[in-house]
C-alpha atoms as a PDB file:
ATOM      1  CA  MET A   1      24.239  -5.648   0.452  1.00  0.00           C
ATOM      2  CA  ALA A   2      23.736  -2.208   0.592  1.00  0.00           C
ATOM      3  CA  PHE A   3      24.221   0.296   3.738  1.00  0.00           C
ATOM      4  CA  VAL A   4      22.335  -0.720   6.918  1.00  0.00           C
ATOM      5  CA  ARG A   5      21.695   1.283   9.896  1.00  0.00           C
ATOM      6  CA  ALA A   6      24.108  -0.120  12.726  1.00  0.00           C
ATOM      7  CA  ALA A   7      23.953   2.036  15.829  1.00  0.00           C
ATOM      8  CA  ARG A   8      23.362   5.536  17.108  1.00  0.00           C
ATOM      9  CA  VAL A   9      26.556   7.329  17.137  1.00  0.00           C
ATOM     10  CA  GLU A  10      26.182   8.017  21.040  1.00  0.00           C
ATOM     11  CA  GLU A  11      25.732   4.357  21.589  1.00  0.00           C
ATOM     12  CA  ILE A  12      29.547   3.919  21.102  1.00  0.00           C
ATOM     13  CA  PRO A  13      31.585   6.257  22.811  1.00  0.00           C
ATOM     14  CA  ALA A  14      35.127   7.068  21.411  1.00  0.00           C
ATOM     15  CA  GLY A  15      37.556   4.842  22.116  1.00  0.00           C
ATOM     16  CA  GLU A  16      35.230   1.756  22.505  1.00  0.00           C
ATOM     17  CA  ILE A  17      33.941  -1.402  20.321  1.00  0.00           C
ATOM     18  CA  ARG A  18      30.491  -2.958  20.564  1.00  0.00           C
ATOM     19  CA  GLU A  19      29.034  -5.834  18.605  1.00  0.00           C
ATOM     20  CA  VAL A  20      26.149  -5.053  16.266  1.00  0.00           C
ATOM     21  CA  ARG A  21      23.899  -6.970  13.597  1.00  0.00           C
ATOM     22  CA  VAL A  22      23.964  -5.947  10.141  1.00  0.00           C
ATOM     23  CA  GLY A  23      21.771  -8.453   8.221  1.00  0.00           C
ATOM     24  CA  GLU A  24      22.735 -11.950   9.452  1.00  0.00           C
ATOM     25  CA  LYS A  25      26.457 -10.859  10.260  1.00  0.00           C
ATOM     26  CA  ALA A  26      27.804  -9.800  13.793  1.00  0.00           C
ATOM     27  CA  VAL A  27      30.036  -6.825  13.048  1.00  0.00           C
ATOM     28  CA  ALA A  28      32.388  -5.232  15.426  1.00  0.00           C
ATOM     29  CA  LEU A  29      31.894  -1.483  15.152  1.00  0.00           C
ATOM     30  CA  ALA A  30      34.780   0.726  16.821  1.00  0.00           C
ATOM     31  CA  HIS A  31      34.821   4.115  17.325  1.00  0.00           C
ATOM     32  CA  THR A  32      38.298   5.489  16.843  1.00  0.00           C
ATOM     33  CA  SER A  33      39.942   8.818  17.006  1.00  0.00           C
ATOM     34  CA  GLY A  34      39.655   8.716  13.084  1.00  0.00           C
ATOM     35  CA  GLY A  35      36.127   7.760  12.995  1.00  0.00           C
ATOM     36  CA  PHE A  36      34.018   4.698  12.798  1.00  0.00           C
ATOM     37  CA  CYS A  37      35.518   1.353  11.517  1.00  0.00           C
ATOM     38  CA  ALA A  38      33.888  -1.971  10.822  1.00  0.00           C
ATOM     39  CA  ILE A  39      34.980  -5.325  10.795  1.00  0.00           C
ATOM     40  CA  SER A  40      34.054  -9.178  10.818  1.00  0.00           C
ATOM     41  CA  GLY A  41      32.689  -9.861  14.934  1.00  0.00           C
ATOM     42  CA  GLU A  42      34.412 -12.964  14.673  1.00  0.00           C
ATOM     43  CA  CYS A  43      38.046 -13.763  15.530  1.00  0.00           C
ATOM     44  CA  LEU A  44      40.094 -16.100  13.291  1.00  0.00           C
ATOM     45  CA  HIS A  45      41.137 -18.010  16.163  1.00  0.00           C
ATOM     46  CA  ARG A  46      38.217 -20.059  17.469  1.00  0.00           C
ATOM     47  CA  GLY A  47      35.519 -17.497  16.721  1.00  0.00           C
ATOM     48  CA  GLY A  48      36.006 -15.248  19.671  1.00  0.00           C
ATOM     49  CA  PRO A  49      33.272 -12.100  19.539  1.00  0.00           C
ATOM     50  CA  LEU A  50      35.736  -9.016  18.752  1.00  0.00           C
ATOM     51  CA  GLY A  51      33.094  -6.876  19.474  1.00  0.00           C
ATOM     52  CA  GLU A  52      33.164  -7.666  23.088  1.00  0.00           C
ATOM     53  CA  GLY A  53      37.094  -7.236  23.036  1.00  0.00           C
ATOM     54  CA  SER A  54      38.809  -4.376  24.412  1.00  0.00           C
ATOM     55  CA  LEU A  55      40.342  -1.482  21.925  1.00  0.00           C
ATOM     56  CA  ASP A  56      43.433   0.292  22.361  1.00  0.00           C
ATOM     57  CA  GLY A  57      43.824   3.058  19.824  1.00  0.00           C
ATOM     58  CA  THR A  58      42.903   1.087  16.395  1.00  0.00           C
ATOM     59  CA  VAL A  59      43.969  -2.492  17.790  1.00  0.00           C
ATOM     60  CA  VAL A  60      41.162  -4.525  19.190  1.00  0.00           C
ATOM     61  CA  THR A  61      42.099  -7.665  21.361  1.00  0.00           C
ATOM     62  CA  CYS A  62      39.768 -10.790  21.350  1.00  0.00           C
ATOM     63  CA  PRO A  63      38.446 -11.171  25.051  1.00  0.00           C
ATOM     64  CA  TRP A  64      38.575 -15.242  24.413  1.00  0.00           C
ATOM     65  CA  HIS A  65      42.419 -15.755  23.619  1.00  0.00           C
ATOM     66  CA  GLY A  66      44.397 -12.146  23.106  1.00  0.00           C
ATOM     67  CA  TRP A  67      44.694 -12.399  19.223  1.00  0.00           C
ATOM     68  CA  GLN A  68      44.733  -8.636  17.981  1.00  0.00           C
ATOM     69  CA  PHE A  69      43.522  -7.054  15.098  1.00  0.00           C
ATOM     70  CA  ASP A  70      43.781  -3.341  13.476  1.00  0.00           C
ATOM     71  CA  VAL A  71      40.365  -2.232  13.048  1.00  0.00           C
ATOM     72  CA  THR A  72      41.156   0.104  10.236  1.00  0.00           C
ATOM     73  CA  THR A  73      42.679  -2.616   8.163  1.00  0.00           C
ATOM     74  CA  GLY A  74      41.516  -6.102   9.388  1.00  0.00           C
ATOM     75  CA  LYS A  75      44.944  -7.228   9.749  1.00  0.00           C
ATOM     76  CA  SER A  76      46.369  -9.137  12.434  1.00  0.00           C
ATOM     77  CA  CYS A  77      48.894  -7.748  14.479  1.00  0.00           C
ATOM     78  CA  LEU A  78      50.931 -10.605  14.702  1.00  0.00           C
ATOM     79  CA  ASN A  79      50.901 -11.867  11.087  1.00  0.00           C
ATOM     80  CA  ALA A  80      49.639  -9.232   8.298  1.00  0.00           C
ATOM     81  CA  SER A  81      48.840 -11.962   5.675  1.00  0.00           C
ATOM     82  CA  GLU A  82      45.962 -12.823   8.123  1.00  0.00           C
ATOM     83  CA  GLY A  83      43.223 -10.563   8.856  1.00  0.00           C
ATOM     84  CA  VAL A  84      39.540 -10.476   9.022  1.00  0.00           C
ATOM     85  CA  ALA A  85      36.968  -8.720   6.776  1.00  0.00           C
ATOM     86  CA  THR A  86      36.482  -4.988   6.677  1.00  0.00           C
ATOM     87  CA  TYR A  87      32.992  -3.204   5.960  1.00  0.00           C
ATOM     88  CA  PRO A  88      32.678   0.490   4.814  1.00  0.00           C
ATOM     89  CA  THR A  89      30.756   2.886   7.393  1.00  0.00           C
ATOM     90  CA  GLU A  90      29.080   5.759   6.714  1.00  0.00           C
ATOM     91  CA  ILE A  91      27.865   8.630   9.112  1.00  0.00           C
ATOM     92  CA  ARG A  92      24.157  10.333   8.630  1.00  0.00           C
ATOM     93  CA  GLY A  93      23.173  12.387  10.626  1.00  0.00           C
ATOM     94  CA  ASP A  94      23.495  10.735  14.178  1.00  0.00           C
ATOM     95  CA  GLU A  95      23.465   7.316  13.002  1.00  0.00           C
ATOM     96  CA  VAL A  96      26.188   4.888  11.895  1.00  0.00           C
ATOM     97  CA  PHE A  97      25.673   2.733   8.695  1.00  0.00           C
ATOM     98  CA  VAL A  98      27.716  -0.222   7.466  1.00  0.00           C
ATOM     99  CA  ASP A  99      27.554  -2.144   4.329  1.00  0.00           C
ATOM    100  CA  ALA A 100      28.546  -5.678   5.361  1.00  0.00           C
ATOM    101  CA  GLY A 101      27.741  -6.881   1.785  1.00  0.00           C
END
């Protein structure tokens, strides 16, 4: 899959995360101090919606059961050998594009 428009920059304020659709995939798009990061929107534990979680720096907490992931690497904060998929992002003008291929 190629880069697909996911959101406008102003739709996701710095320090927040949102669920967006990229093709058929639910993606959690986070706006960190380092820019935008995209990870799988589905938590490893029971499929909770990571895009509806809370973001603290680069760590998202799943709203269902509290599992945490680093949005820059996709790695679990409790077990670095586990993690969710990460996807490349690009800013083009005032829009965020994600390649969830």
